[in-house]
Amino acid sequence: MTHFGKIKSYNSDKGTGMITPDQGGDALAFGRKDLQQEAQEPSVDQRYGYDTSEVNGGNMRAINLQPQQGEGPGLQEQQARAQQG
């Protein structure tokens, strides 16, 4: 089952981050290897779809993260540039 949430934080040096589920609850950890598009670094508040996996004796983690089309600061920046000229 795919869940959705927004990136709470991402440390590009360590390749780790947290995502906050749209439906509430605790933020889930994820790593660079969990991103479907590893070359694209996630931005804070960018919306992602993800699956969950149980690790370390019951802790949940986000896996298979995929950015949602039309979401995040990248699109907003592109639209602002297009309007400016």
N, C-alpha and C. Protein backbone atom coordinates (compact mmCIF):
# COMPACT_ATOMS: atom_id res chain seq x y z
N MET A 1 0.83 -1.18 0.00
CA MET A 1 0.00 0.00 0.00
C MET A 1 0.88 1.25 0.00
N THR A 2 0.60 2.16 -0.90
CA THR A 2 1.38 3.38 -0.98
C THR A 2 0.84 4.43 -0.02
N HIS A 3 1.74 5.05 0.70
CA HIS A 3 1.41 6.15 1.61
C HIS A 3 1.96 7.43 1.00
N PHE A 4 1.54 8.56 1.55
CA PHE A 4 2.03 9.85 1.07
C PHE A 4 2.44 10.70 2.25
N GLY A 5 3.44 11.55 2.03
CA GLY A 5 3.89 12.44 3.07
C GLY A 5 4.82 13.49 2.51
N LYS A 6 5.29 14.38 3.40
CA LYS A 6 6.20 15.44 2.99
C LYS A 6 7.53 15.28 3.70
N ILE A 7 8.59 15.60 2.98
CA ILE A 7 9.93 15.51 3.54
C ILE A 7 10.07 16.51 4.69
N LYS A 8 10.45 15.99 5.84
CA LYS A 8 10.65 16.83 7.03
C LYS A 8 12.09 17.33 7.06
N SER A 9 13.03 16.45 6.71
CA SER A 9 14.44 16.83 6.69
C SER A 9 15.20 15.86 5.80
N TYR A 10 16.35 16.33 5.28
CA TYR A 10 17.23 15.46 4.50
C TYR A 10 18.65 15.98 4.63
N ASN A 11 19.57 15.11 5.05
CA ASN A 11 20.98 15.44 5.20
C ASN A 11 21.72 14.80 4.02
N SER A 12 22.10 15.62 3.05
CA SER A 12 22.74 15.08 1.85
C SER A 12 24.11 14.48 2.14
N ASP A 13 24.81 14.98 3.16
CA ASP A 13 26.11 14.42 3.51
C ASP A 13 25.99 12.99 4.02
N LYS A 14 24.99 12.74 4.84
CA LYS A 14 24.78 11.40 5.41
C LYS A 14 23.88 10.54 4.54
N GLY A 15 23.06 11.19 3.68
CA GLY A 15 22.14 10.43 2.84
C GLY A 15 20.97 9.88 3.62
N THR A 16 20.55 10.60 4.66
CA THR A 16 19.42 10.16 5.48
C THR A 16 18.42 11.29 5.65
N GLY A 17 17.17 10.91 5.90
CA GLY A 17 16.15 11.92 6.10
C GLY A 17 14.95 11.37 6.84
N MET A 18 13.95 12.24 6.98
CA MET A 18 12.70 11.90 7.65
C MET A 18 11.54 12.39 6.78
N ILE A 19 10.46 11.62 6.76
CA ILE A 19 9.25 12.01 6.04
C ILE A 19 8.08 11.97 7.01
N THR A 20 7.23 12.99 6.97
CA THR A 20 6.05 13.08 7.84
C THR A 20 4.84 12.58 7.07
N PRO A 21 4.17 11.53 7.56
CA PRO A 21 3.00 10.99 6.87
C PRO A 21 1.86 12.01 6.80
N ASP A 22 1.17 12.06 5.65
CA ASP A 22 0.00 12.94 5.49
C ASP A 22 -1.09 12.61 6.50
N GLN A 23 -1.23 11.34 6.85
CA GLN A 23 -2.30 10.91 7.74
C GLN A 23 -1.93 11.02 9.21
N GLY A 24 -0.81 11.67 9.50
CA GLY A 24 -0.40 11.86 10.89
C GLY A 24 0.47 10.73 11.39
N GLY A 25 0.93 10.87 12.59
CA GLY A 25 1.81 9.87 13.18
C GLY A 25 3.25 10.36 13.17
N ASP A 26 4.13 9.50 13.68
CA ASP A 26 5.54 9.85 13.78
C ASP A 26 6.20 9.88 12.41
N ALA A 27 7.18 10.77 12.26
CA ALA A 27 7.97 10.84 11.04
C ALA A 27 8.76 9.53 10.88
N LEU A 28 8.95 9.12 9.64
CA LEU A 28 9.65 7.88 9.34
C LEU A 28 11.01 8.18 8.73
N ALA A 29 12.00 7.40 9.12
CA ALA A 29 13.35 7.55 8.58
C ALA A 29 13.43 6.92 7.19
N PHE A 30 14.34 7.43 6.37
CA PHE A 30 14.66 6.81 5.10
C PHE A 30 16.10 7.13 4.75
N GLY A 31 16.66 6.37 3.84
CA GLY A 31 18.03 6.59 3.39
C GLY A 31 18.08 6.82 1.89
N ARG A 32 19.21 7.26 1.42
CA ARG A 32 19.40 7.52 -0.02
C ARG A 32 19.01 6.30 -0.85
N LYS A 33 19.34 5.11 -0.37
CA LYS A 33 19.03 3.88 -1.11
C LYS A 33 17.53 3.62 -1.22
N ASP A 34 16.74 4.27 -0.37
CA ASP A 34 15.28 4.11 -0.40
C ASP A 34 14.61 4.99 -1.45
N LEU A 35 15.36 5.94 -2.04
CA LEU A 35 14.81 6.81 -3.06
C LEU A 35 14.80 6.09 -4.40
N GLN A 36 13.69 6.14 -5.11
CA GLN A 36 13.61 5.50 -6.42
C GLN A 36 14.47 6.24 -7.45
N GLN A 37 14.64 7.53 -7.26
CA GLN A 37 15.48 8.33 -8.14
C GLN A 37 16.62 8.88 -7.29
N GLU A 38 17.64 8.05 -7.07
CA GLU A 38 18.72 8.39 -6.14
C GLU A 38 19.46 9.66 -6.53
N ALA A 39 19.51 9.99 -7.82
CA ALA A 39 20.24 11.18 -8.25
C ALA A 39 19.53 12.46 -7.83
N GLN A 40 18.23 12.38 -7.58
CA GLN A 40 17.45 13.56 -7.21
C GLN A 40 17.33 13.63 -5.69
N GLU A 41 17.91 14.69 -5.09
CA GLU A 41 17.82 14.84 -3.65
C GLU A 41 16.48 15.46 -3.28
N PRO A 42 15.82 14.93 -2.26
CA PRO A 42 14.53 15.49 -1.85
C PRO A 42 14.70 16.84 -1.17
N SER A 43 13.68 17.68 -1.29
CA SER A 43 13.65 18.99 -0.66
C SER A 43 12.64 18.98 0.48
N VAL A 44 12.89 19.77 1.51
CA VAL A 44 11.96 19.90 2.63
C VAL A 44 10.60 20.35 2.08
N ASP A 45 9.55 19.74 2.58
CA ASP A 45 8.15 19.98 2.20
C ASP A 45 7.77 19.42 0.84
N GLN A 46 8.67 18.72 0.16
CA GLN A 46 8.32 18.09 -1.10
C GLN A 46 7.50 16.83 -0.80
N ARG A 47 6.45 16.60 -1.56
CA ARG A 47 5.54 15.48 -1.31
C ARG A 47 6.05 14.23 -2.05
N TYR A 48 6.07 13.12 -1.33
CA TYR A 48 6.53 11.83 -1.86
C TYR A 48 5.50 10.75 -1.56
N GLY A 49 5.44 9.77 -2.44
CA GLY A 49 4.73 8.53 -2.17
C GLY A 49 5.77 7.53 -1.67
N TYR A 50 5.36 6.63 -0.80
CA TYR A 50 6.32 5.67 -0.25
C TYR A 50 5.60 4.44 0.29
N ASP A 51 6.38 3.38 0.47
CA ASP A 51 5.92 2.17 1.15
C ASP A 51 6.61 2.15 2.51
N THR A 52 6.18 1.24 3.37
CA THR A 52 6.82 1.12 4.68
C THR A 52 7.37 -0.29 4.85
N SER A 53 8.37 -0.39 5.70
CA SER A 53 8.99 -1.66 6.03
C SER A 53 9.31 -1.67 7.50
N GLU A 54 9.15 -2.83 8.13
CA GLU A 54 9.46 -2.97 9.55
C GLU A 54 10.92 -3.37 9.70
N VAL A 55 11.64 -2.62 10.54
CA VAL A 55 13.06 -2.90 10.79
C VAL A 55 13.34 -2.79 12.28
N ASN A 56 14.48 -3.30 12.69
CA ASN A 56 14.96 -3.16 14.08
C ASN A 56 13.89 -3.48 15.11
N GLY A 57 13.30 -4.64 15.03
CA GLY A 57 12.36 -5.08 16.05
C GLY A 57 11.06 -4.31 16.10
N GLY A 58 10.55 -3.87 14.98
CA GLY A 58 9.24 -3.24 14.96
C GLY A 58 9.20 -1.79 14.53
N ASN A 59 10.35 -1.14 14.42
CA ASN A 59 10.36 0.25 13.95
C ASN A 59 10.01 0.29 12.47
N MET A 60 9.23 1.30 12.08
CA MET A 60 8.84 1.43 10.68
C MET A 60 9.77 2.42 9.99
N ARG A 61 10.02 2.17 8.70
CA ARG A 61 10.86 3.03 7.89
C ARG A 61 10.22 3.20 6.53
N ALA A 62 10.45 4.33 5.90
CA ALA A 62 9.91 4.60 4.56
C ALA A 62 10.87 4.02 3.51
N ILE A 63 10.31 3.33 2.52
CA ILE A 63 11.11 2.76 1.43
C ILE A 63 10.41 3.08 0.10
N ASN A 64 11.14 2.89 -0.98
CA ASN A 64 10.59 3.09 -2.33
C ASN A 64 9.98 4.48 -2.51
N LEU A 65 10.66 5.51 -2.03
CA LEU A 65 10.14 6.88 -2.13
C LEU A 65 10.15 7.37 -3.57
N GLN A 66 9.03 7.94 -3.99
CA GLN A 66 8.91 8.50 -5.33
C GLN A 66 8.30 9.89 -5.24
N PRO A 67 8.96 10.90 -5.85
CA PRO A 67 8.39 12.24 -5.81
C PRO A 67 7.06 12.27 -6.54
N GLN A 68 6.14 13.06 -6.04
CA GLN A 68 4.83 13.19 -6.67
C GLN A 68 4.89 14.30 -7.72
N GLN A 69 4.37 14.02 -8.90
CA GLN A 69 4.39 14.99 -10.00
C GLN A 69 3.62 16.24 -9.62
N GLY A 70 4.17 17.39 -9.97
CA GLY A 70 3.50 18.65 -9.72
C GLY A 70 3.62 19.12 -8.29
N GLU A 71 4.49 18.52 -7.50
CA GLU A 71 4.65 18.90 -6.09
C GLU A 71 6.07 19.40 -5.86
N GLY A 72 6.22 20.12 -4.80
CA GLY A 72 7.53 20.51 -4.34
C GLY A 72 8.01 21.82 -4.90
N PRO A 73 9.10 22.32 -4.34
CA PRO A 73 9.60 23.64 -4.72
C PRO A 73 10.10 23.71 -6.15
N GLY A 74 10.54 22.62 -6.74
CA GLY A 74 11.06 22.65 -8.10
C GLY A 74 10.04 23.18 -9.09
N LEU A 75 8.82 22.72 -9.02
CA LEU A 75 7.77 23.18 -9.93
C LEU A 75 7.43 24.64 -9.67
N GLN A 76 7.36 25.03 -8.42
CA GLN A 76 7.04 26.41 -8.07
C GLN A 76 8.10 27.35 -8.62
N GLU A 77 9.37 26.98 -8.52
CA GLU A 77 10.45 27.80 -9.03
C GLU A 77 10.36 27.92 -10.55
N GLN A 78 10.04 26.82 -11.23
CA GLN A 78 9.92 26.84 -12.68
C GLN A 78 8.78 27.75 -13.11
N GLN A 79 7.66 27.69 -12.41
CA GLN A 79 6.52 28.52 -12.75
C GLN A 79 6.83 29.99 -12.52
N ALA A 80 7.55 30.32 -11.45
CA ALA A 80 7.92 31.70 -11.17
C ALA A 80 8.85 32.24 -12.26
N ARG A 81 9.80 31.43 -12.69
CA ARG A 81 10.72 31.86 -13.76
C ARG A 81 9.97 32.09 -15.06
N ALA A 82 9.02 31.22 -15.37
CA ALA A 82 8.24 31.35 -16.61
C ALA A 82 7.43 32.65 -16.61
N GLN A 83 6.90 33.03 -15.45
CA GLN A 83 6.11 34.24 -15.35
C GLN A 83 6.98 35.50 -15.45
N GLN A 84 8.24 35.39 -15.01
CA GLN A 84 9.13 36.55 -15.03
C GLN A 84 9.69 36.83 -16.42
N GLY A 85 9.65 35.84 -17.27
CA GLY A 85 10.14 36.21 -18.58
C GLY A 85 10.72 35.12 -19.33
